[in-house]
N, C-alpha and C. Protein backbone atom coordinates (compact mmCIF):
# COMPACT_ATOMS: atom_id res chain seq x y z
N UNK A 1 96.58 5.29 138.71
CA UNK A 1 95.71 5.49 139.86
C UNK A 1 94.88 4.24 140.12
N UNK A 2 94.40 3.56 139.06
CA UNK A 2 93.55 2.38 139.25
C UNK A 2 94.29 1.26 139.95
N UNK A 3 95.56 1.04 139.58
CA UNK A 3 96.32 -0.06 140.16
C UNK A 3 96.46 0.09 141.66
N UNK A 4 96.64 1.33 142.12
CA UNK A 4 96.76 1.58 143.55
C UNK A 4 95.50 1.10 144.27
N UNK A 5 94.35 1.24 143.62
CA UNK A 5 93.08 0.87 144.23
C UNK A 5 92.65 -0.55 143.85
N UNK A 6 93.50 -1.27 143.11
CA UNK A 6 93.23 -2.65 142.70
C UNK A 6 91.87 -2.77 142.01
N UNK A 7 91.67 -1.95 140.99
CA UNK A 7 90.42 -1.97 140.23
C UNK A 7 90.76 -1.71 138.77
N UNK A 8 90.22 -2.51 137.91
CA UNK A 8 90.47 -2.36 136.48
C UNK A 8 89.13 -2.15 135.78
N UNK A 9 88.78 -0.90 135.51
CA UNK A 9 87.45 -0.59 134.96
C UNK A 9 87.29 -1.06 133.52
N UNK A 10 86.01 -1.36 133.19
CA UNK A 10 85.66 -1.65 131.81
C UNK A 10 85.70 -0.34 131.03
N UNK A 11 85.52 -0.43 129.72
CA UNK A 11 85.50 0.80 128.91
C UNK A 11 84.35 1.71 129.32
N UNK A 12 83.17 1.13 129.60
CA UNK A 12 82.03 1.96 130.02
C UNK A 12 82.31 2.61 131.37
N UNK A 13 82.89 1.85 132.28
CA UNK A 13 83.22 2.41 133.60
C UNK A 13 84.25 3.53 133.47
N UNK A 14 85.25 3.32 132.64
CA UNK A 14 86.28 4.34 132.42
C UNK A 14 85.65 5.62 131.85
N UNK A 15 84.68 5.45 130.95
CA UNK A 15 83.99 6.61 130.37
C UNK A 15 83.24 7.39 131.46
N UNK A 16 82.58 6.67 132.37
CA UNK A 16 81.85 7.32 133.46
C UNK A 16 82.83 8.01 134.41
N UNK A 17 83.97 7.39 134.66
CA UNK A 17 84.96 7.97 135.56
C UNK A 17 85.51 9.28 134.99
N UNK A 18 85.75 9.31 133.71
CA UNK A 18 86.41 10.47 133.09
C UNK A 18 85.45 11.50 132.50
N UNK A 19 84.15 11.30 132.64
CA UNK A 19 83.18 12.28 132.14
C UNK A 19 83.26 13.53 133.01
N UNK A 20 83.67 14.63 132.42
CA UNK A 20 83.73 15.90 133.16
C UNK A 20 82.81 16.94 132.54
N UNK A 21 81.94 16.50 131.66
CA UNK A 21 81.05 17.42 130.94
C UNK A 21 79.73 17.67 131.67
N UNK A 22 79.62 17.27 132.92
CA UNK A 22 78.40 17.51 133.67
C UNK A 22 78.06 16.32 134.54
N UNK A 23 76.80 16.22 134.93
CA UNK A 23 76.39 15.14 135.82
C UNK A 23 76.60 13.77 135.19
N UNK A 24 76.74 12.77 136.06
CA UNK A 24 76.90 11.39 135.60
C UNK A 24 75.93 10.53 136.39
N UNK A 25 74.96 9.93 135.72
CA UNK A 25 74.03 9.00 136.35
C UNK A 25 74.57 7.60 136.11
N UNK A 26 74.68 6.83 137.18
CA UNK A 26 75.18 5.46 137.06
C UNK A 26 74.09 4.52 137.54
N UNK A 27 73.61 3.69 136.63
CA UNK A 27 72.58 2.70 136.96
C UNK A 27 73.13 1.33 136.60
N UNK A 28 73.20 0.44 137.56
CA UNK A 28 73.69 -0.91 137.32
C UNK A 28 73.28 -1.80 138.49
N UNK A 29 73.34 -3.07 138.29
CA UNK A 29 72.94 -4.03 139.31
C UNK A 29 73.95 -4.15 140.43
N UNK A 30 73.57 -4.91 141.48
CA UNK A 30 74.47 -5.13 142.62
C UNK A 30 75.76 -5.82 142.17
N UNK A 31 76.87 -5.39 142.76
CA UNK A 31 78.14 -6.04 142.49
C UNK A 31 78.78 -5.67 141.16
N UNK A 32 78.23 -4.66 140.48
CA UNK A 32 78.74 -4.31 139.15
C UNK A 32 79.87 -3.27 139.19
N UNK A 33 80.16 -2.74 140.39
CA UNK A 33 81.25 -1.77 140.51
C UNK A 33 80.81 -0.32 140.54
N UNK A 34 79.50 -0.05 140.76
CA UNK A 34 79.01 1.34 140.79
C UNK A 34 79.76 2.19 141.82
N UNK A 35 79.88 1.65 143.03
CA UNK A 35 80.51 2.42 144.09
C UNK A 35 81.97 2.71 143.76
N UNK A 36 82.68 1.72 143.25
CA UNK A 36 84.08 1.93 142.91
C UNK A 36 84.22 2.95 141.78
N UNK A 37 83.30 2.93 140.83
CA UNK A 37 83.32 3.91 139.74
C UNK A 37 83.11 5.31 140.31
N UNK A 38 82.18 5.45 141.25
CA UNK A 38 81.95 6.76 141.87
C UNK A 38 83.17 7.23 142.65
N UNK A 39 83.81 6.32 143.36
CA UNK A 39 85.02 6.67 144.10
C UNK A 39 86.08 7.16 143.13
N UNK A 40 86.30 6.40 142.07
CA UNK A 40 87.33 6.78 141.09
C UNK A 40 86.97 8.06 140.35
N UNK A 41 85.68 8.26 140.08
CA UNK A 41 85.26 9.51 139.43
C UNK A 41 85.58 10.70 140.32
N UNK A 42 85.29 10.59 141.61
CA UNK A 42 85.60 11.68 142.54
C UNK A 42 87.11 11.92 142.60
N UNK A 43 87.88 10.86 142.69
CA UNK A 43 89.33 11.01 142.73
C UNK A 43 89.83 11.67 141.44
N UNK A 44 89.29 11.24 140.31
CA UNK A 44 89.69 11.80 139.02
C UNK A 44 89.38 13.30 138.97
N UNK A 45 88.17 13.65 139.41
CA UNK A 45 87.78 15.07 139.39
C UNK A 45 88.67 15.90 140.31
N UNK A 46 88.92 15.38 141.52
CA UNK A 46 89.69 16.15 142.49
C UNK A 46 91.19 16.17 142.16
N UNK A 47 91.76 15.03 141.83
CA UNK A 47 93.21 14.91 141.71
C UNK A 47 93.74 15.19 140.31
N UNK A 48 92.94 14.88 139.29
CA UNK A 48 93.41 15.08 137.92
C UNK A 48 92.87 16.40 137.36
N UNK A 49 91.59 16.65 137.57
CA UNK A 49 90.96 17.86 137.02
C UNK A 49 90.92 19.03 138.01
N UNK A 50 91.46 18.84 139.20
CA UNK A 50 91.55 19.89 140.23
C UNK A 50 90.20 20.52 140.59
N UNK A 51 89.16 19.72 140.61
CA UNK A 51 87.83 20.20 141.02
C UNK A 51 87.79 20.20 142.55
N UNK A 52 87.44 21.33 143.15
CA UNK A 52 87.34 21.36 144.62
C UNK A 52 86.25 20.41 145.10
N UNK A 53 86.48 19.70 146.22
CA UNK A 53 85.47 18.78 146.75
C UNK A 53 84.11 19.45 146.98
N UNK A 54 84.11 20.75 147.29
CA UNK A 54 82.85 21.47 147.53
C UNK A 54 82.00 21.59 146.26
N UNK A 55 82.58 21.30 145.11
CA UNK A 55 81.86 21.38 143.83
C UNK A 55 81.40 20.01 143.36
N UNK A 56 81.58 18.99 144.20
CA UNK A 56 81.18 17.62 143.84
C UNK A 56 80.01 17.21 144.74
N UNK A 57 78.98 16.68 144.12
CA UNK A 57 77.78 16.25 144.84
C UNK A 57 77.47 14.82 144.45
N UNK A 58 77.32 13.94 145.43
CA UNK A 58 76.94 12.55 145.18
C UNK A 58 75.67 12.27 145.97
N UNK A 59 74.62 11.86 145.25
CA UNK A 59 73.36 11.47 145.89
C UNK A 59 73.22 9.95 145.82
N UNK A 60 72.89 9.35 146.94
CA UNK A 60 72.65 7.91 147.00
C UNK A 60 71.24 7.69 147.54
N UNK A 61 70.80 6.44 147.50
CA UNK A 61 69.45 6.14 147.99
C UNK A 61 69.40 5.99 149.50
N UNK A 62 70.50 5.60 150.12
CA UNK A 62 70.47 5.38 151.57
C UNK A 62 71.64 6.09 152.25
N UNK A 63 71.45 6.39 153.53
CA UNK A 63 72.52 7.00 154.33
C UNK A 63 73.69 6.03 154.45
N UNK A 64 73.39 4.73 154.54
CA UNK A 64 74.43 3.71 154.64
C UNK A 64 75.34 3.76 153.40
N UNK A 65 74.73 3.86 152.22
CA UNK A 65 75.52 3.94 150.98
C UNK A 65 76.34 5.22 150.94
N UNK A 66 75.76 6.32 151.41
CA UNK A 66 76.48 7.60 151.43
C UNK A 66 77.69 7.51 152.36
N UNK A 67 77.49 6.93 153.55
CA UNK A 67 78.59 6.79 154.51
C UNK A 67 79.68 5.89 153.95
N UNK A 68 79.29 4.82 153.28
CA UNK A 68 80.25 3.90 152.68
C UNK A 68 81.07 4.61 151.60
N UNK A 69 80.40 5.37 150.75
CA UNK A 69 81.09 6.12 149.70
C UNK A 69 82.09 7.11 150.28
N UNK A 70 81.65 7.85 151.26
CA UNK A 70 82.52 8.85 151.88
C UNK A 70 83.74 8.17 152.51
N UNK A 71 83.49 7.05 153.17
CA UNK A 71 84.58 6.31 153.81
C UNK A 71 85.57 5.79 152.77
N UNK A 72 85.07 5.24 151.66
CA UNK A 72 85.95 4.71 150.62
C UNK A 72 86.78 5.81 149.97
N UNK A 73 86.17 6.97 149.76
CA UNK A 73 86.90 8.09 149.15
C UNK A 73 88.01 8.57 150.09
N UNK A 74 87.68 8.71 151.38
CA UNK A 74 88.69 9.14 152.35
C UNK A 74 89.84 8.12 152.43
N UNK A 75 89.47 6.84 152.45
CA UNK A 75 90.49 5.79 152.50
C UNK A 75 91.39 5.81 151.25
N UNK A 76 90.77 6.00 150.08
CA UNK A 76 91.54 6.03 148.83
C UNK A 76 92.51 7.21 148.84
N UNK A 77 92.06 8.36 149.31
CA UNK A 77 92.93 9.54 149.36
C UNK A 77 94.09 9.29 150.32
N UNK A 78 93.76 8.67 151.46
CA UNK A 78 94.82 8.35 152.42
C UNK A 78 95.81 7.35 151.81
N UNK A 79 95.31 6.31 151.12
CA UNK A 79 96.17 5.29 150.49
C UNK A 79 97.04 5.89 149.39
N UNK A 80 96.51 6.89 148.69
CA UNK A 80 97.29 7.55 147.63
C UNK A 80 98.27 8.57 148.19
N UNK A 81 98.17 8.81 149.52
CA UNK A 81 99.07 9.75 150.22
C UNK A 81 99.03 11.16 149.62
N UNK A 82 97.81 11.65 149.40
CA UNK A 82 97.62 13.02 148.92
C UNK A 82 96.81 13.79 149.95
N UNK A 83 96.97 15.09 149.94
CA UNK A 83 96.24 15.97 150.86
C UNK A 83 95.04 16.57 150.15
N UNK A 84 93.84 16.25 150.62
CA UNK A 84 92.62 16.84 150.07
C UNK A 84 91.70 17.15 151.25
N UNK A 85 91.24 18.39 151.33
CA UNK A 85 90.32 18.79 152.39
C UNK A 85 88.89 18.42 151.97
N UNK A 86 88.32 17.43 152.63
CA UNK A 86 86.98 16.96 152.27
C UNK A 86 85.89 17.54 153.17
N UNK A 87 86.20 18.62 153.86
CA UNK A 87 85.24 19.23 154.78
C UNK A 87 83.92 19.60 154.07
N UNK A 88 84.00 20.15 152.87
CA UNK A 88 82.80 20.62 152.16
C UNK A 88 82.36 19.68 151.04
N UNK A 89 82.75 18.43 151.14
CA UNK A 89 82.39 17.41 150.14
C UNK A 89 80.92 17.01 150.36
N UNK A 90 80.12 16.96 149.29
CA UNK A 90 78.68 16.69 149.37
C UNK A 90 78.37 15.24 149.03
N UNK A 91 78.07 14.43 150.04
CA UNK A 91 77.64 13.05 149.83
C UNK A 91 76.47 12.80 150.77
N UNK A 92 75.37 12.27 150.24
CA UNK A 92 74.22 11.96 151.07
C UNK A 92 73.03 11.54 150.23
N UNK A 93 71.91 11.36 150.90
CA UNK A 93 70.67 11.11 150.17
C UNK A 93 70.14 12.45 149.70
N UNK A 94 69.23 12.44 148.76
CA UNK A 94 68.64 13.69 148.29
C UNK A 94 67.99 14.43 149.46
N UNK A 95 67.38 13.67 150.38
CA UNK A 95 66.72 14.28 151.52
C UNK A 95 67.74 14.93 152.47
N UNK A 96 68.83 14.23 152.77
CA UNK A 96 69.81 14.79 153.70
C UNK A 96 70.50 16.00 153.10
N UNK A 97 70.78 15.96 151.81
CA UNK A 97 71.43 17.10 151.15
C UNK A 97 70.50 18.31 151.14
N UNK A 98 69.23 18.08 150.81
CA UNK A 98 68.26 19.20 150.82
C UNK A 98 68.09 19.75 152.23
N UNK A 99 68.06 18.87 153.23
CA UNK A 99 67.94 19.34 154.62
C UNK A 99 69.14 20.20 155.00
N UNK A 100 70.34 19.79 154.57
CA UNK A 100 71.54 20.60 154.83
C UNK A 100 71.44 21.97 154.16
N UNK A 101 70.98 21.98 152.91
CA UNK A 101 70.83 23.25 152.19
C UNK A 101 69.82 24.16 152.89
N UNK A 102 68.72 23.59 153.36
CA UNK A 102 67.71 24.38 154.08
C UNK A 102 68.31 24.93 155.36
N UNK A 103 69.03 24.08 156.11
CA UNK A 103 69.62 24.52 157.38
C UNK A 103 70.59 25.67 157.17
N UNK A 104 71.41 25.59 156.13
CA UNK A 104 72.39 26.64 155.85
C UNK A 104 71.70 27.94 155.42
N UNK A 105 70.57 27.81 154.73
CA UNK A 105 69.88 28.98 154.17
C UNK A 105 68.53 29.24 154.84
N UNK A 106 68.36 28.82 156.07
CA UNK A 106 67.05 28.88 156.72
C UNK A 106 66.51 30.32 156.82
N UNK A 107 67.39 31.30 156.92
CA UNK A 107 66.91 32.68 157.03
C UNK A 107 66.26 33.16 155.73
N UNK A 108 66.52 32.48 154.63
CA UNK A 108 65.92 32.86 153.35
C UNK A 108 64.58 32.14 153.13
N UNK A 109 64.13 31.38 154.12
CA UNK A 109 62.87 30.64 154.00
C UNK A 109 61.89 31.13 155.07
N UNK A 110 60.68 30.60 155.02
CA UNK A 110 59.70 30.93 156.04
C UNK A 110 59.77 29.93 157.19
N UNK A 111 60.71 28.99 157.12
CA UNK A 111 60.86 27.99 158.18
C UNK A 111 61.57 28.60 159.39
N UNK A 112 61.41 27.96 160.53
CA UNK A 112 62.12 28.38 161.73
C UNK A 112 63.00 27.22 162.19
N UNK A 113 64.01 27.54 162.99
CA UNK A 113 64.87 26.47 163.52
C UNK A 113 64.00 25.45 164.24
N UNK A 114 64.36 24.18 164.11
CA UNK A 114 63.60 23.12 164.75
C UNK A 114 62.47 22.59 163.88
N UNK A 115 62.40 23.05 162.62
CA UNK A 115 61.37 22.51 161.71
C UNK A 115 61.58 21.02 161.57
N UNK A 116 60.55 20.33 161.13
CA UNK A 116 60.65 18.88 160.96
C UNK A 116 60.04 18.50 159.62
N UNK A 117 60.76 17.70 158.87
CA UNK A 117 60.24 17.18 157.60
C UNK A 117 59.60 15.83 157.91
N UNK A 118 58.34 15.70 157.54
CA UNK A 118 57.62 14.46 157.82
C UNK A 118 57.65 13.54 156.62
N UNK A 119 58.01 12.28 156.85
CA UNK A 119 57.93 11.32 155.76
C UNK A 119 56.47 10.92 155.59
N UNK A 120 56.18 10.09 154.61
CA UNK A 120 54.79 9.76 154.28
C UNK A 120 54.04 9.14 155.46
N UNK A 121 54.67 8.21 156.16
CA UNK A 121 54.02 7.56 157.30
C UNK A 121 53.78 8.56 158.42
N UNK A 122 54.78 9.39 158.73
CA UNK A 122 54.64 10.37 159.80
C UNK A 122 53.57 11.39 159.46
N UNK A 123 53.44 11.77 158.19
CA UNK A 123 52.37 12.68 157.77
C UNK A 123 51.01 12.06 158.09
N UNK A 124 50.85 10.80 157.73
CA UNK A 124 49.56 10.13 157.95
C UNK A 124 49.26 10.01 159.44
N UNK A 125 50.27 9.68 160.24
CA UNK A 125 50.05 9.57 161.69
C UNK A 125 49.73 10.93 162.31
N UNK A 126 50.39 11.98 161.83
CA UNK A 126 50.09 13.33 162.30
C UNK A 126 48.64 13.69 162.00
N UNK A 127 48.20 13.40 160.76
CA UNK A 127 46.82 13.71 160.39
C UNK A 127 45.82 12.87 161.16
N UNK A 128 46.16 11.63 161.47
CA UNK A 128 45.28 10.79 162.27
C UNK A 128 45.11 11.39 163.66
N UNK A 129 46.24 11.82 164.23
CA UNK A 129 46.23 12.40 165.58
C UNK A 129 45.48 13.73 165.63
N UNK A 130 45.55 14.51 164.56
CA UNK A 130 44.93 15.84 164.51
C UNK A 130 43.81 15.89 163.47
N UNK A 131 43.13 14.78 163.30
CA UNK A 131 42.16 14.63 162.22
C UNK A 131 41.13 15.75 162.18
N UNK A 132 40.46 16.01 163.31
CA UNK A 132 39.37 16.98 163.32
C UNK A 132 39.86 18.42 163.17
N UNK A 133 41.03 18.73 163.72
CA UNK A 133 41.57 20.08 163.57
C UNK A 133 41.99 20.35 162.12
N UNK A 134 42.57 19.34 161.46
CA UNK A 134 43.09 19.54 160.11
C UNK A 134 42.03 19.31 159.05
N UNK A 135 41.36 18.19 159.12
CA UNK A 135 40.36 17.85 158.12
C UNK A 135 39.12 18.73 158.32
N UNK A 136 38.86 19.07 159.60
CA UNK A 136 37.83 20.04 159.90
C UNK A 136 36.41 19.52 159.89
N UNK A 137 36.22 18.20 160.04
CA UNK A 137 34.85 17.69 160.07
C UNK A 137 34.83 16.31 160.68
N UNK A 138 33.65 15.94 161.18
CA UNK A 138 33.43 14.59 161.70
C UNK A 138 33.03 13.64 160.58
N UNK A 139 32.78 14.18 159.42
CA UNK A 139 32.26 13.39 158.30
C UNK A 139 33.37 12.57 157.67
N UNK A 140 33.37 11.27 157.93
CA UNK A 140 34.37 10.39 157.33
C UNK A 140 33.76 9.62 156.16
N UNK A 141 32.60 10.03 155.71
CA UNK A 141 31.93 9.44 154.56
C UNK A 141 31.70 7.94 154.71
N UNK A 142 31.62 7.47 155.98
CA UNK A 142 31.30 6.07 156.23
C UNK A 142 32.44 5.11 155.95
N UNK A 143 33.60 5.57 155.50
CA UNK A 143 34.68 4.61 155.23
C UNK A 143 35.89 4.86 156.11
N UNK A 144 35.73 5.51 157.24
CA UNK A 144 36.82 5.67 158.18
C UNK A 144 37.75 6.84 157.85
N UNK A 145 38.67 7.06 158.77
CA UNK A 145 39.60 8.18 158.65
C UNK A 145 40.68 7.94 157.60
N UNK A 146 41.22 6.72 157.49
CA UNK A 146 42.40 6.47 156.68
C UNK A 146 42.26 6.83 155.21
N UNK A 147 41.13 6.53 154.56
CA UNK A 147 41.01 6.97 153.15
C UNK A 147 41.07 8.49 153.02
N UNK A 148 40.43 9.21 153.96
CA UNK A 148 40.48 10.68 153.92
C UNK A 148 41.88 11.19 154.21
N UNK A 149 42.56 10.52 155.12
CA UNK A 149 43.92 10.93 155.46
C UNK A 149 44.82 10.76 154.25
N UNK A 150 44.72 9.64 153.55
CA UNK A 150 45.54 9.41 152.35
C UNK A 150 45.25 10.47 151.28
N UNK A 151 43.97 10.80 151.10
CA UNK A 151 43.62 11.85 150.13
C UNK A 151 44.16 13.21 150.57
N UNK A 152 44.11 13.47 151.88
CA UNK A 152 44.62 14.75 152.41
C UNK A 152 46.13 14.86 152.17
N UNK A 153 46.86 13.78 152.40
CA UNK A 153 48.32 13.79 152.16
C UNK A 153 48.59 14.10 150.69
N UNK A 154 47.84 13.47 149.78
CA UNK A 154 47.99 13.74 148.35
C UNK A 154 47.70 15.22 148.06
N UNK A 155 46.65 15.75 148.68
CA UNK A 155 46.26 17.14 148.46
C UNK A 155 47.34 18.08 148.99
N UNK A 156 47.84 17.82 150.22
CA UNK A 156 48.89 18.66 150.79
C UNK A 156 50.14 18.63 149.93
N UNK A 157 50.47 17.47 149.42
CA UNK A 157 51.64 17.34 148.54
C UNK A 157 51.44 18.20 147.30
N UNK A 158 50.25 18.14 146.73
CA UNK A 158 49.95 18.90 145.51
C UNK A 158 50.02 20.41 145.76
N UNK A 159 49.40 20.89 146.83
CA UNK A 159 49.42 22.34 147.07
C UNK A 159 50.82 22.82 147.46
N UNK A 160 51.61 21.93 148.07
CA UNK A 160 53.00 22.29 148.39
C UNK A 160 53.81 22.39 147.11
N UNK A 161 53.66 21.40 146.23
CA UNK A 161 54.39 21.43 144.96
C UNK A 161 53.99 22.63 144.10
N UNK A 162 52.72 23.04 144.19
CA UNK A 162 52.23 24.19 143.41
C UNK A 162 52.49 25.52 144.12
N UNK A 163 53.19 25.47 145.27
CA UNK A 163 53.57 26.67 146.03
C UNK A 163 52.37 27.53 146.43
N UNK A 164 51.28 26.87 146.83
CA UNK A 164 50.10 27.59 147.30
C UNK A 164 50.42 28.19 148.67
N UNK A 165 50.16 29.46 148.84
CA UNK A 165 50.46 30.16 150.09
C UNK A 165 49.42 29.78 151.15
N UNK A 166 49.86 29.16 152.27
CA UNK A 166 48.92 28.78 153.33
C UNK A 166 48.14 29.97 153.89
N UNK A 167 48.77 31.16 153.87
CA UNK A 167 48.10 32.37 154.38
C UNK A 167 46.86 32.69 153.55
N UNK A 168 46.96 32.51 152.24
CA UNK A 168 45.80 32.74 151.36
C UNK A 168 44.69 31.74 151.66
N UNK A 169 45.07 30.49 151.95
CA UNK A 169 44.06 29.49 152.30
C UNK A 169 43.36 29.87 153.60
N UNK A 170 44.15 30.35 154.59
CA UNK A 170 43.59 30.72 155.89
C UNK A 170 42.58 31.86 155.79
N UNK A 171 42.70 32.70 154.78
CA UNK A 171 41.81 33.85 154.64
C UNK A 171 40.91 33.72 153.41
N UNK A 172 40.64 32.51 152.98
CA UNK A 172 39.87 32.28 151.75
C UNK A 172 38.37 32.44 151.93
N UNK A 173 37.88 32.33 153.19
CA UNK A 173 36.44 32.39 153.41
C UNK A 173 35.79 31.01 153.30
N UNK A 174 36.51 30.02 152.89
CA UNK A 174 36.01 28.64 152.79
C UNK A 174 36.53 27.87 154.01
N UNK A 175 35.59 27.34 154.82
CA UNK A 175 35.96 26.68 156.09
C UNK A 175 36.98 25.56 155.89
N UNK A 176 36.79 24.73 154.88
CA UNK A 176 37.69 23.60 154.61
C UNK A 176 39.09 24.12 154.24
N UNK A 177 39.15 25.11 153.35
CA UNK A 177 40.45 25.66 152.95
C UNK A 177 41.14 26.39 154.11
N UNK A 178 40.36 27.09 154.93
CA UNK A 178 40.92 27.76 156.10
C UNK A 178 41.53 26.73 157.06
N UNK A 179 40.85 25.60 157.24
CA UNK A 179 41.36 24.53 158.10
C UNK A 179 42.65 23.97 157.54
N UNK A 180 42.69 23.76 156.24
CA UNK A 180 43.90 23.24 155.58
C UNK A 180 45.04 24.25 155.72
N UNK A 181 44.76 25.52 155.55
CA UNK A 181 45.78 26.56 155.69
C UNK A 181 46.38 26.61 157.09
N UNK A 182 45.52 26.38 158.10
CA UNK A 182 46.01 26.34 159.49
C UNK A 182 46.91 25.14 159.67
């Protein structure tokens, strides 16, 4: 299989390719063959170990890397002249994969269609735009809105991670917490 793809893995790379005992984390510098190892690992799992593509998940740091990986795997399968249905193959960033999972299972959440996940910058801009409604006061402690906004983002992240129910905050009797819950 390697010769067809013109790649000759090192012993460590071969070990990563043939690991079928669970997840495989690959950390290496640029140009070290990480992407090719992932391509070969997927091919090995699908073609040698008969793992359905829907049971394979690859997370990358960027959408560009995910698209490149998917393209290389499709090309390799085509070059090997084998039939594999990659419709349910999971390749993406952790964010895109989680968004897909939420979209598929949205009825099991409190979210509604059209929800939006805000990145850190968008969260801060949203809070700047809605400062008084969300923060609930004109008091910026003399150092402007941005320090309070950064603290608010940290606080929202913490209460989200701790699964604090916004409804409980809205009915807490504390003006600040009620504002945060809204």
